[in-house]
Amino acid sequence: MAEFLHQPVNPTGTGVVLTHGAGANCTAPLLVAVANALSAAGAVVLRYDLPFRQKRPFGPPSPATAAADRAGIRDVVLRMKSLVAGPVLVAGHSYGGRQSSMLATEEPELASGLLLLSYPLHPPGKPAQLRTAHFPTLRTPALFISGTKDEFGTEAEMKAALALIPAKTRLISIPRAGHDLAKGKFDLPWRSEILPWFGTSEP
């Protein structure tokens, strides 16, 4: 299993497990940038490959692998809980974020929060095919980060979708960024906005 552990210099006790989208793996530039930023803010971060990617170095997942991918996320969360004393956040880009949010509806007590990067609200060009069936039962605080040029969901569509979620939510929009969120090359105050939003403390 490909995975990388980021240890902070000044830990807050928070853990973050971070995974990738359908066409990538845990070495994606966006994941590296996010992991480094969150680690600098005091979180222990584990970025890892989903089960479908462990079995196939290339190619997308299929609906038949989704349950196994969620089980893989759960296993990593439980491992992180043995490494930190504080809250554990589940983070994922695109497909990884979608499966993380679905797992949170299946096991509401598993994670303290969700960090969803470029949530794939619908396939590009197919706005009617919304991937929000589980949103009304999502009770885990969820912070969404999306680019304003993301073909998987406009800013207006994302705001409408978040209104379906009964849990605490927030949307951070990255100007001019697409689905890859500029591969992490954007200015976002990670320390001052993201970890404290979930109730974590500063290092």
Protein backbone atom coordinates (compact mmCIF):
# COMPACT_ATOMS: atom_id res chain seq x y z
CA MET A 1 0.00 0.00 0.00
CA ALA A 2 1.41 3.38 -0.99
CA GLU A 3 1.17 5.85 1.88
CA PHE A 4 3.10 8.75 3.37
CA LEU A 5 2.99 10.01 6.94
CA HIS A 6 3.54 13.73 7.63
CA GLN A 7 4.57 14.49 11.22
CA PRO A 8 4.14 18.09 12.41
CA VAL A 9 6.81 19.98 14.31
CA ASN A 10 4.22 21.37 16.74
CA PRO A 11 1.38 18.82 16.91
CA THR A 12 -2.13 19.82 17.93
CA GLY A 13 -3.25 16.23 18.47
CA THR A 14 -5.37 16.29 15.31
CA GLY A 15 -5.05 13.60 12.66
CA VAL A 16 -6.01 13.84 8.99
CA VAL A 17 -6.28 10.95 6.55
CA LEU A 18 -6.09 12.16 2.96
CA THR A 19 -6.77 10.31 -0.27
CA HIS A 20 -6.99 10.91 -3.99
CA GLY A 21 -9.42 11.12 -6.89
CA ALA A 22 -10.40 8.57 -9.51
CA GLY A 23 -7.59 9.31 -11.93
CA ALA A 24 -4.73 9.80 -9.49
CA ASN A 25 -2.92 8.33 -6.50
CA CYS A 26 -1.61 9.65 -3.22
CA THR A 27 1.41 11.26 -4.89
CA ALA A 28 -0.81 13.79 -6.70
CA PRO A 29 0.65 17.32 -6.35
CA LEU A 30 -2.57 18.60 -4.76
CA LEU A 31 -2.45 15.96 -2.03
CA VAL A 32 1.21 16.64 -1.31
CA ALA A 33 0.52 20.39 -1.02
CA VAL A 34 -2.50 19.88 1.24
CA ALA A 35 -0.68 17.38 3.44
CA ASN A 36 2.30 19.70 3.86
CA ALA A 37 0.03 22.64 4.68
CA LEU A 38 -2.02 20.76 7.25
CA SER A 39 1.09 19.25 8.81
CA ALA A 40 2.61 22.73 9.09
CA ALA A 41 -0.59 23.73 10.90
CA GLY A 42 -0.07 20.98 13.47
CA ALA A 43 -1.90 17.93 12.14
CA VAL A 44 -0.52 14.44 11.69
CA VAL A 45 -1.41 13.66 8.06
CA LEU A 46 -1.49 10.28 6.36
CA ARG A 47 -2.01 10.35 2.60
CA TYR A 48 -2.71 6.98 1.08
CA ASP A 49 -3.91 5.01 -1.94
CA LEU A 50 -7.45 3.68 -2.05
CA PRO A 51 -7.95 -0.09 -2.51
CA PHE A 52 -8.90 0.26 -6.18
CA ARG A 53 -5.60 2.00 -6.90
CA GLN A 54 -3.65 -0.57 -4.93
CA LYS A 55 -5.04 -3.26 -7.25
CA ARG A 56 -4.69 -1.24 -10.46
CA PRO A 57 -1.85 1.26 -10.96
CA PHE A 58 -3.87 2.96 -13.69
CA GLY A 59 -7.51 3.35 -14.62
CA PRO A 60 -10.60 4.58 -12.78
CA PRO A 61 -12.57 2.83 -10.05
CA SER A 62 -15.88 1.12 -10.77
CA PRO A 63 -19.14 1.03 -8.79
CA ALA A 64 -18.23 -2.54 -7.84
CA THR A 65 -15.13 -1.33 -5.95
CA ALA A 66 -16.80 1.53 -4.04
CA ALA A 67 -17.66 -0.49 -0.93
CA ALA A 68 -14.11 -1.82 -0.72
CA ASP A 69 -12.76 1.72 -1.09
CA ARG A 70 -14.92 2.89 1.81
CA ALA A 71 -13.71 -0.05 3.88
CA GLY A 72 -10.15 1.01 3.07
CA ILE A 73 -10.85 4.54 4.26
CA ARG A 74 -12.31 3.16 7.49
CA ASP A 75 -9.20 1.05 8.12
CA VAL A 76 -6.92 4.06 7.68
CA VAL A 77 -9.07 6.19 10.02
CA LEU A 78 -8.83 3.52 12.72
CA ARG A 79 -5.05 3.40 12.30
CA MET A 80 -4.86 7.19 12.61
CA LYS A 81 -6.86 7.03 15.84
CA SER A 82 -4.07 4.95 17.31
CA LEU A 83 -1.54 7.66 16.38
CA VAL A 84 -3.25 10.80 17.74
CA ALA A 85 -5.11 11.69 20.90
CA GLY A 86 -7.40 14.26 19.32
CA PRO A 87 -9.98 14.43 16.53
CA VAL A 88 -9.47 12.65 13.22
CA LEU A 89 -10.58 14.33 10.00
CA VAL A 90 -11.23 12.44 6.78
CA ALA A 91 -10.11 14.28 3.66
CA GLY A 92 -10.30 13.37 0.01
CA HIS A 93 -10.10 14.81 -3.47
CA SER A 94 -13.01 14.21 -5.86
CA TYR A 95 -13.86 10.47 -5.79
CA GLY A 96 -11.94 10.04 -2.55
CA GLY A 97 -13.95 12.80 -0.94
CA ARG A 98 -17.22 11.41 -2.22
CA GLN A 99 -16.50 7.97 -0.78
CA SER A 100 -15.39 9.58 2.48
CA SER A 101 -18.66 11.47 2.77
CA MET A 102 -20.66 8.32 2.02
CA LEU A 103 -18.72 6.44 4.69
CA ALA A 104 -19.53 9.22 7.16
CA THR A 105 -23.26 8.65 6.59
CA GLU A 106 -22.79 4.91 7.14
CA GLU A 107 -20.68 5.38 10.30
CA PRO A 108 -21.44 8.84 11.75
CA GLU A 109 -19.15 8.39 14.76
CA LEU A 110 -16.09 7.38 12.75
CA ALA A 111 -14.66 10.84 12.03
CA SER A 112 -14.84 14.29 13.60
CA GLY A 113 -15.05 16.09 10.27
CA LEU A 114 -14.75 15.93 6.50
CA LEU A 115 -12.45 17.98 4.27
CA LEU A 116 -13.80 17.53 0.73
CA LEU A 117 -11.62 18.84 -2.08
CA SER A 118 -13.37 19.32 -5.44
CA TYR A 119 -16.41 17.25 -4.52
CA PRO A 120 -17.64 15.71 -7.83
CA LEU A 121 -21.18 17.02 -7.61
CA HIS A 122 -22.10 15.67 -11.05
CA PRO A 123 -20.29 14.40 -14.17
CA PRO A 124 -19.05 17.23 -16.43
CA GLY A 125 -21.85 18.44 -18.68
CA LYS A 126 -24.50 16.39 -16.82
CA PRO A 127 -25.82 18.65 -14.05
CA ALA A 128 -28.94 16.54 -13.59
CA GLN A 129 -26.92 13.52 -12.45
CA LEU A 130 -26.32 14.78 -8.93
CA ARG A 131 -24.27 12.75 -6.47
CA THR A 132 -26.09 14.04 -3.43
CA ALA A 133 -28.46 11.22 -2.45
CA HIS A 134 -26.65 10.79 0.89
CA PHE A 135 -26.38 14.49 1.72
CA PRO A 136 -29.64 14.69 3.75
CA THR A 137 -28.28 12.03 6.14
CA LEU A 138 -24.78 13.48 6.49
CA ARG A 139 -24.28 14.56 10.11
CA THR A 140 -20.51 15.04 10.12
CA PRO A 141 -19.21 18.63 9.82
CA ALA A 142 -18.00 19.08 6.25
CA LEU A 143 -15.73 21.72 4.76
CA PHE A 144 -15.84 21.83 0.96
CA ILE A 145 -13.10 23.43 -1.16
CA SER A 146 -13.89 23.89 -4.85
CA GLY A 147 -12.56 25.84 -7.79
CA THR A 148 -14.82 28.36 -9.49
CA LYS A 149 -14.01 26.72 -12.84
CA ASP A 150 -14.68 23.16 -11.74
CA GLU A 151 -16.70 21.34 -14.43
CA PHE A 152 -17.99 18.89 -11.81
CA GLY A 153 -20.02 21.61 -10.08
CA THR A 154 -20.37 25.39 -10.22
CA GLU A 155 -20.20 27.54 -7.12
CA ALA A 156 -23.98 28.06 -7.25
CA GLU A 157 -24.58 24.32 -7.63
CA MET A 158 -22.31 23.57 -4.70
CA LYS A 159 -24.10 26.07 -2.46
CA ALA A 160 -27.46 24.55 -3.36
CA ALA A 161 -26.15 21.07 -2.62
CA LEU A 162 -24.73 22.05 0.76
CA ALA A 163 -28.17 23.26 1.76
CA LEU A 164 -29.26 19.60 1.72
CA ILE A 165 -26.82 18.69 4.49
CA PRO A 166 -28.11 18.94 8.09
CA ALA A 167 -24.57 19.06 9.53
CA LYS A 168 -22.39 22.13 9.82
CA THR A 169 -20.94 22.98 6.40
CA ARG A 170 -18.83 25.59 4.70
CA LEU A 171 -17.75 26.17 1.11
CA ILE A 172 -14.41 27.78 0.27
CA SER A 173 -14.19 28.76 -3.40
CA ILE A 174 -10.81 29.05 -5.10
CA PRO A 175 -10.98 31.70 -7.87
CA ARG A 176 -10.12 30.50 -11.38
CA ALA A 177 -9.20 26.98 -10.20
CA GLY A 178 -10.46 23.87 -11.96
CA HIS A 179 -11.07 20.36 -10.66
CA ASP A 180 -7.39 19.86 -9.81
CA LEU A 181 -7.47 23.00 -7.61
CA ALA A 182 -4.43 24.30 -9.45
CA LYS A 183 -2.53 21.29 -8.07
CA GLY A 184 -2.39 23.01 -4.71
CA LYS A 185 -0.70 26.13 -6.02
CA PHE A 186 -2.99 28.71 -4.48
CA ASP A 187 -2.95 30.90 -1.41
CA LEU A 188 -5.21 29.61 1.32
CA PRO A 189 -4.79 30.36 5.03
CA TRP A 190 -4.84 26.71 6.14
CA ARG A 191 -3.88 27.40 9.74
CA SER A 192 -6.33 30.22 10.34
CA GLU A 193 -9.33 28.74 8.56
CA ILE A 194 -9.33 24.98 8.14
CA LEU A 195 -8.22 23.15 11.28
CA PRO A 196 -9.85 25.60 13.73
CA TRP A 197 -13.12 25.35 11.75
CA PHE A 198 -13.34 21.77 12.97
CA GLY A 199 -12.68 22.83 16.56
CA THR A 200 -9.01 21.91 16.69
CA SER A 201 -6.50 23.99 18.62
CA GLU A 202 -3.46 25.84 17.40
CA PRO A 203 -0.02 24.28 18.02
